[in-house]
Structures are given as structure tokens and as C-alpha cells.
């Protein structure tokens, strides 16, 4: 179960990183484009990406322990 959560968090953070890259390069916010400007769904997406990013800090600690 933990491995599934790890991969899901990695995918969500990867999507968030792609969105930030598009914002930086082209001023194109896909979340805002798809869900609207700070709608409740877009806010949930942003919060979910942030929570997954914080969760992945524990993932880094666990990977370091395995090596």
C-alpha cells in the first residue's frame, strides 16, 4: 500500500512540476485553464500537489535508509 501511495504522490508532484514549468516558460497555467481561476477544484488540485510534495520528503528519508 505504501508503494502505491509513493507512486501516486510522485505522479501528482510530476504533474505539478510540469504545470509550474509551463507557467515559467509560457505563462500558461493548465490548472487554471482547465478548472477556472481559483475555483474550488483548482484549489484542491494545488493543495493536493502541495501535500504530495511534503509527503515525498518522507520518501526521500526512506530511500536514503535503504541505500
PDB file of N, CA and C in Angstrom:
ATOM      1  N   UNK A   1       0.828  -1.202   0.000  1.00  0.00           N
ATOM      2  CA  UNK A   1       0.000   0.000   0.000  1.00  0.00           C
ATOM      3  C   UNK A   1       0.867   1.259   0.000  1.00  0.00           C
ATOM      4  N   UNK A   2       1.964   1.220   0.758  1.00  0.00           N
ATOM      5  CA  UNK A   2       2.844   2.383   0.847  1.00  0.00           C
ATOM      6  C   UNK A   2       3.501   2.680  -0.501  1.00  0.00           C
ATOM      7  N   UNK A   3       3.858   1.618  -1.222  1.00  0.00           N
ATOM      8  CA  UNK A   3       4.485   1.819  -2.528  1.00  0.00           C
ATOM      9  C   UNK A   3       3.512   2.462  -3.511  1.00  0.00           C
ATOM     10  N   UNK A   4       2.256   2.068  -3.453  1.00  0.00           N
ATOM     11  CA  UNK A   4       1.239   2.658  -4.319  1.00  0.00           C
ATOM     12  C   UNK A   4       1.080   4.135  -4.010  1.00  0.00           C
ATOM     13  N   UNK A   5       1.052   4.473  -2.731  1.00  0.00           N
ATOM     14  CA  UNK A   5       0.936   5.869  -2.315  1.00  0.00           C
ATOM     15  C   UNK A   5       2.157   6.669  -2.763  1.00  0.00           C
ATOM     16  N   UNK A   6       3.331   6.061  -2.675  1.00  0.00           N
ATOM     17  CA  UNK A   6       4.554   6.726  -3.135  1.00  0.00           C
ATOM     18  C   UNK A   6       4.475   7.062  -4.625  1.00  0.00           C
ATOM     19  N   UNK A   7       4.063   6.083  -5.429  1.00  0.00           N
ATOM     20  CA  UNK A   7       3.981   6.308  -6.873  1.00  0.00           C
ATOM     21  C   UNK A   7       2.899   7.329  -7.219  1.00  0.00           C
ATOM     22  N   UNK A   8       1.769   7.269  -6.532  1.00  0.00           N
ATOM     23  CA  UNK A   8       0.705   8.238  -6.767  1.00  0.00           C
ATOM     24  C   UNK A   8       1.170   9.652  -6.430  1.00  0.00           C
ATOM     25  N   UNK A   9       1.872   9.791  -5.317  1.00  0.00           N
ATOM     26  CA  UNK A   9       2.401  11.102  -4.932  1.00  0.00           C
ATOM     27  C   UNK A   9       3.434  11.593  -5.944  1.00  0.00           C
ATOM     28  N   UNK A  10       4.280  10.696  -6.434  1.00  0.00           N
ATOM     29  CA  UNK A  10       5.267  11.085  -7.446  1.00  0.00           C
ATOM     30  C   UNK A  10       4.591  11.571  -8.725  1.00  0.00           C
ATOM     31  N   UNK A  11       3.545  10.895  -9.140  1.00  0.00           N
ATOM     32  CA  UNK A  11       2.838  11.296 -10.355  1.00  0.00           C
ATOM     33  C   UNK A  11       2.188  12.661 -10.174  1.00  0.00           C
ATOM     34  N   UNK A  12       1.556  12.881  -9.024  1.00  0.00           N
ATOM     35  CA  UNK A  12       0.892  14.161  -8.768  1.00  0.00           C
ATOM     36  C   UNK A  12       1.906  15.296  -8.712  1.00  0.00           C
ATOM     37  N   UNK A  13       3.035  15.072  -8.058  1.00  0.00           N
ATOM     38  CA  UNK A  13       4.061  16.109  -7.985  1.00  0.00           C
ATOM     39  C   UNK A  13       4.689  16.348  -9.357  1.00  0.00           C
ATOM     40  N   UNK A  14       4.828  15.310 -10.150  1.00  0.00           N
ATOM     41  CA  UNK A  14       5.348  15.466 -11.507  1.00  0.00           C
ATOM     42  C   UNK A  14       4.404  16.334 -12.348  1.00  0.00           C
ATOM     43  N   UNK A  15       3.103  16.092 -12.236  1.00  0.00           N
ATOM     44  CA  UNK A  15       2.126  16.917 -12.953  1.00  0.00           C
ATOM     45  C   UNK A  15       2.206  18.361 -12.471  1.00  0.00           C
ATOM     46  N   UNK A  16       2.360  18.556 -11.161  1.00  0.00           N
ATOM     47  CA  UNK A  16       2.511  19.907 -10.626  1.00  0.00           C
ATOM     48  C   UNK A  16       3.779  20.575 -11.139  1.00  0.00           C
ATOM     49  N   UNK A  17       4.852  19.814 -11.243  1.00  0.00           N
ATOM     50  CA  UNK A  17       6.103  20.375 -11.755  1.00  0.00           C
ATOM     51  C   UNK A  17       5.965  20.766 -13.225  1.00  0.00           C
ATOM     52  N   UNK A  18       5.268  19.950 -14.004  1.00  0.00           N
ATOM     53  CA  UNK A  18       5.020  20.312 -15.399  1.00  0.00           C
ATOM     54  C   UNK A  18       4.200  21.597 -15.489  1.00  0.00           C
ATOM     55  N   UNK A  19       3.205  21.725 -14.625  1.00  0.00           N
ATOM     56  CA  UNK A  19       2.393  22.938 -14.619  1.00  0.00           C
ATOM     57  C   UNK A  19       3.254  24.154 -14.287  1.00  0.00           C
ATOM     58  N   UNK A  20       4.116  24.039 -13.281  1.00  0.00           N
ATOM     59  CA  UNK A  20       4.981  25.171 -12.928  1.00  0.00           C
ATOM     60  C   UNK A  20       5.969  25.488 -14.045  1.00  0.00           C
ATOM     61  N   UNK A  21       6.443  24.468 -14.742  1.00  0.00           N
ATOM     62  CA  UNK A  21       7.320  24.710 -15.884  1.00  0.00           C
ATOM     63  C   UNK A  21       6.613  25.469 -16.988  1.00  0.00           C
ATOM     64  N   UNK A  22       5.365  25.097 -17.244  1.00  0.00           N
ATOM     65  CA  UNK A  22       4.587  25.814 -18.255  1.00  0.00           C
ATOM     66  C   UNK A  22       4.300  27.248 -17.834  1.00  0.00           C
ATOM     67  N   UNK A  23       4.071  27.449 -16.540  1.00  0.00           N
ATOM     68  CA  UNK A  23       3.852  28.806 -16.047  1.00  0.00           C
ATOM     69  C   UNK A  23       5.119  29.640 -16.252  1.00  0.00           C
ATOM     70  N   UNK A  24       6.261  29.070 -15.910  1.00  0.00           N
ATOM     71  CA  UNK A  24       7.516  29.798 -16.038  1.00  0.00           C
ATOM     72  C   UNK A  24       7.924  30.081 -17.470  1.00  0.00           C
ATOM     73  N   UNK A  25       7.703  29.121 -18.347  1.00  0.00           N
ATOM     74  CA  UNK A  25       8.135  29.280 -19.731  1.00  0.00           C
ATOM     75  C   UNK A  25       7.143  30.049 -20.593  1.00  0.00           C
ATOM     76  N   UNK A  26       5.867  29.760 -20.428  1.00  0.00           N
ATOM     77  CA  UNK A  26       4.872  30.285 -21.361  1.00  0.00           C
ATOM     78  C   UNK A  26       3.742  31.083 -20.699  1.00  0.00           C
ATOM     79  N   UNK A  27       3.832  31.274 -19.380  1.00  0.00           N
ATOM     80  CA  UNK A  27       2.748  31.925 -18.622  1.00  0.00           C
ATOM     81  C   UNK A  27       1.417  31.212 -18.854  1.00  0.00           C
ATOM     82  N   UNK A  28       1.470  29.897 -18.922  1.00  0.00           N
ATOM     83  CA  UNK A  28       0.292  29.076 -19.166  1.00  0.00           C
ATOM     84  C   UNK A  28       0.044  28.194 -17.949  1.00  0.00           C
ATOM     85  N   UNK A  29      -1.006  28.477 -17.204  1.00  0.00           N
ATOM     86  CA  UNK A  29      -1.384  27.694 -16.033  1.00  0.00           C
ATOM     87  C   UNK A  29      -2.477  26.716 -16.453  1.00  0.00           C
ATOM     88  N   UNK A  30      -2.114  25.452 -16.641  1.00  0.00           N
ATOM     89  CA  UNK A  30      -3.072  24.461 -17.114  1.00  0.00           C
ATOM     90  C   UNK A  30      -4.192  24.215 -16.109  1.00  0.00           C
ATOM     91  N   UNK A  31      -3.873  24.263 -14.822  1.00  0.00           N
ATOM     92  CA  UNK A  31      -4.907  24.043 -13.811  1.00  0.00           C
ATOM     93  C   UNK A  31      -5.971  25.132 -13.918  1.00  0.00           C
ATOM     94  N   UNK A  32      -5.535  26.374 -14.042  1.00  0.00           N
ATOM     95  CA  UNK A  32      -6.478  27.482 -14.175  1.00  0.00           C
ATOM     96  C   UNK A  32      -7.244  27.376 -15.497  1.00  0.00           C
ATOM     97  N   UNK A  33      -6.552  26.959 -16.548  1.00  0.00           N
ATOM     98  CA  UNK A  33      -7.184  26.833 -17.856  1.00  0.00           C
ATOM     99  C   UNK A  33      -8.271  25.756 -17.845  1.00  0.00           C
ATOM    100  N   UNK A  34      -7.991  24.636 -17.178  1.00  0.00           N
ATOM    101  CA  UNK A  34      -8.930  23.516 -17.172  1.00  0.00           C
ATOM    102  C   UNK A  34     -10.064  23.731 -16.167  1.00  0.00           C
ATOM    103  N   UNK A  35      -9.720  24.170 -14.938  1.00  0.00           N
ATOM    104  CA  UNK A  35     -10.709  24.212 -13.856  1.00  0.00           C
ATOM    105  C   UNK A  35     -11.209  25.608 -13.508  1.00  0.00           C
ATOM    106  N   UNK A  36     -10.605  26.648 -14.057  1.00  0.00           N
ATOM    107  CA  UNK A  36     -11.036  28.009 -13.751  1.00  0.00           C
ATOM    108  C   UNK A  36     -10.091  28.680 -12.772  1.00  0.00           C
ATOM    109  N   UNK A  37     -10.192  30.005 -12.729  1.00  0.00           N
ATOM    110  CA  UNK A  37      -9.300  30.809 -11.891  1.00  0.00           C
ATOM    111  C   UNK A  37      -9.693  30.693 -10.426  1.00  0.00           C
ATOM    112  N   UNK A  38      -8.932  29.941  -9.667  1.00  0.00           N
ATOM    113  CA  UNK A  38      -9.104  29.707  -8.243  1.00  0.00           C
ATOM    114  C   UNK A  38     -10.504  29.206  -7.884  1.00  0.00           C
ATOM    115  N   UNK A  39     -11.042  28.320  -8.729  1.00  0.00           N
ATOM    116  CA  UNK A  39     -12.280  27.636  -8.381  1.00  0.00           C
ATOM    117  C   UNK A  39     -11.965  26.649  -7.265  1.00  0.00           C
ATOM    118  N   UNK A  40     -12.969  26.082  -6.669  1.00  0.00           N
ATOM    119  CA  UNK A  40     -12.714  25.158  -5.563  1.00  0.00           C
ATOM    120  C   UNK A  40     -11.978  23.917  -6.056  1.00  0.00           C
ATOM    121  N   UNK A  41     -12.210  23.501  -7.299  1.00  0.00           N
ATOM    122  CA  UNK A  41     -11.494  22.330  -7.831  1.00  0.00           C
ATOM    123  C   UNK A  41     -10.023  22.659  -8.055  1.00  0.00           C
ATOM    124  N   UNK A  42      -9.728  23.825  -8.606  1.00  0.00           N
ATOM    125  CA  UNK A  42      -8.325  24.185  -8.830  1.00  0.00           C
ATOM    126  C   UNK A  42      -7.600  24.359  -7.502  1.00  0.00           C
ATOM    127  N   UNK A  43      -8.275  24.873  -6.491  1.00  0.00           N
ATOM    128  CA  UNK A  43      -7.650  24.994  -5.165  1.00  0.00           C
ATOM    129  C   UNK A  43      -7.345  23.629  -4.581  1.00  0.00           C
ATOM    130  N   UNK A  44      -8.241  22.662  -4.795  1.00  0.00           N
ATOM    131  CA  UNK A  44      -7.999  21.295  -4.321  1.00  0.00           C
ATOM    132  C   UNK A  44      -6.786  20.705  -5.032  1.00  0.00           C
ATOM    133  N   UNK A  45      -6.661  20.944  -6.329  1.00  0.00           N
ATOM    134  CA  UNK A  45      -5.509  20.433  -7.089  1.00  0.00           C
ATOM    135  C   UNK A  45      -4.215  21.015  -6.529  1.00  0.00           C
ATOM    136  N   UNK A  46      -4.193  22.339  -6.301  1.00  0.00           N
ATOM    137  CA  UNK A  46      -2.985  22.974  -5.754  1.00  0.00           C
ATOM    138  C   UNK A  46      -2.643  22.429  -4.369  1.00  0.00           C
ATOM    139  N   UNK A  47      -3.646  22.260  -3.524  1.00  0.00           N
ATOM    140  CA  UNK A  47      -3.414  21.724  -2.172  1.00  0.00           C
ATOM    141  C   UNK A  47      -2.922  20.290  -2.254  1.00  0.00           C
ATOM    142  N   UNK A  48      -3.496  19.496  -3.140  1.00  0.00           N
ATOM    143  CA  UNK A  48      -3.084  18.106  -3.293  1.00  0.00           C
ATOM    144  C   UNK A  48      -1.633  18.002  -3.746  1.00  0.00           C
ATOM    145  N   UNK A  49      -1.227  18.843  -4.669  1.00  0.00           N
ATOM    146  CA  UNK A  49       0.171  18.852  -5.112  1.00  0.00           C
ATOM    147  C   UNK A  49       1.087  19.234  -3.955  1.00  0.00           C
ATOM    148  N   UNK A  50       0.689  20.212  -3.166  1.00  0.00           N
ATOM    149  CA  UNK A  50       1.496  20.616  -2.012  1.00  0.00           C
ATOM    150  C   UNK A  50       1.615  19.521  -0.967  1.00  0.00           C
ATOM    151  N   UNK A  51       0.509  18.852  -0.664  1.00  0.00           N
ATOM    152  CA  UNK A  51       0.538  17.759   0.317  1.00  0.00           C
ATOM    153  C   UNK A  51       1.419  16.620  -0.182  1.00  0.00           C
ATOM    154  N   UNK A  52       1.309  16.296  -1.467  1.00  0.00           N
ATOM    155  CA  UNK A  52       2.144  15.227  -2.026  1.00  0.00           C
ATOM    156  C   UNK A  52       3.622  15.604  -1.993  1.00  0.00           C
ATOM    157  N   UNK A  53       3.927  16.878  -2.237  1.00  0.00           N
ATOM    158  CA  UNK A  53       5.320  17.327  -2.151  1.00  0.00           C
ATOM    159  C   UNK A  53       5.879  17.166  -0.750  1.00  0.00           C
ATOM    160  N   UNK A  54       5.080  17.512   0.250  1.00  0.00           N
ATOM    161  CA  UNK A  54       5.515  17.346   1.644  1.00  0.00           C
ATOM    162  C   UNK A  54       5.649  15.866   1.983  1.00  0.00           C
ATOM    163  N   UNK A  55       4.707  15.056   1.511  1.00  0.00           N
ATOM    164  CA  UNK A  55       4.786  13.615   1.741  1.00  0.00           C
ATOM    165  C   UNK A  55       6.060  13.018   1.152  1.00  0.00           C
ATOM    166  N   UNK A  56       6.472  13.510  -0.011  1.00  0.00           N
ATOM    167  CA  UNK A  56       7.658  12.958  -0.657  1.00  0.00           C
ATOM    168  C   UNK A  56       8.938  13.269   0.099  1.00  0.00           C
ATOM    169  N   UNK A  57       8.908  14.226   1.014  1.00  0.00           N
ATOM    170  CA  UNK A  57      10.066  14.433   1.883  1.00  0.00           C
ATOM    171  C   UNK A  57      10.322  13.191   2.731  1.00  0.00           C
ATOM    172  N   UNK A  58       9.252  12.526   3.185  1.00  0.00           N
ATOM    173  CA  UNK A  58       9.429  11.275   3.934  1.00  0.00           C
ATOM    174  C   UNK A  58       9.941  10.174   3.017  1.00  0.00           C
ATOM    175  N   UNK A  59       9.535  10.215   1.754  1.00  0.00           N
ATOM    176  CA  UNK A  59      10.000   9.241   0.768  1.00  0.00           C
ATOM    177  C   UNK A  59      11.518   9.335   0.604  1.00  0.00           C
ATOM    178  N   UNK A  60      12.041  10.553   0.554  1.00  0.00           N
ATOM    179  CA  UNK A  60      13.492  10.734   0.434  1.00  0.00           C
ATOM    180  C   UNK A  60      14.225  10.143   1.623  1.00  0.00           C
ATOM    181  N   UNK A  61      13.668  10.318   2.808  1.00  0.00           N
ATOM    182  CA  UNK A  61      14.286   9.741   4.002  1.00  0.00           C
ATOM    183  C   UNK A  61      14.278   8.227   3.957  1.00  0.00           C
ATOM    184  N   UNK A  62      13.204   7.638   3.470  1.00  0.00           N
ATOM    185  CA  UNK A  62      13.119   6.177   3.392  1.00  0.00           C
ATOM    186  C   UNK A  62      14.058   5.614   2.322  1.00  0.00           C
ATOM    187  N   UNK A  63      14.227   6.316   1.214  1.00  0.00           N
ATOM    188  CA  UNK A  63      15.131   5.865   0.157  1.00  0.00           C
ATOM    189  C   UNK A  63      16.575   5.910   0.675  1.00  0.00           C
ATOM    190  N   UNK A  64      16.900   6.957   1.437  1.00  0.00           N
ATOM    191  CA  UNK A  64      18.243   7.073   1.993  1.00  0.00           C
ATOM    192  C   UNK A  64      18.565   5.975   2.980  1.00  0.00           C
ATOM    193  N   UNK A  65      17.544   5.495   3.719  1.00  0.00           N
ATOM    194  CA  UNK A  65      17.748   4.413   4.679  1.00  0.00           C
ATOM    195  C   UNK A  65      17.980   3.077   3.992  1.00  0.00           C
ATOM    196  N   UNK A  66      17.391   2.879   2.806  1.00  0.00           N
ATOM    197  CA  UNK A  66      17.526   1.630   2.083  1.00  0.00           C
ATOM    198  C   UNK A  66      18.894   1.478   1.435  1.00  0.00           C
ATOM    199  N   UNK A  67      19.548   2.556   1.123  1.00  0.00           N
ATOM    200  CA  UNK A  67      20.825   2.502   0.413  1.00  0.00           C
ATOM    201  C   UNK A  67      21.966   2.079   1.310  1.00  0.00           C
TER     202      UNK A  67
END
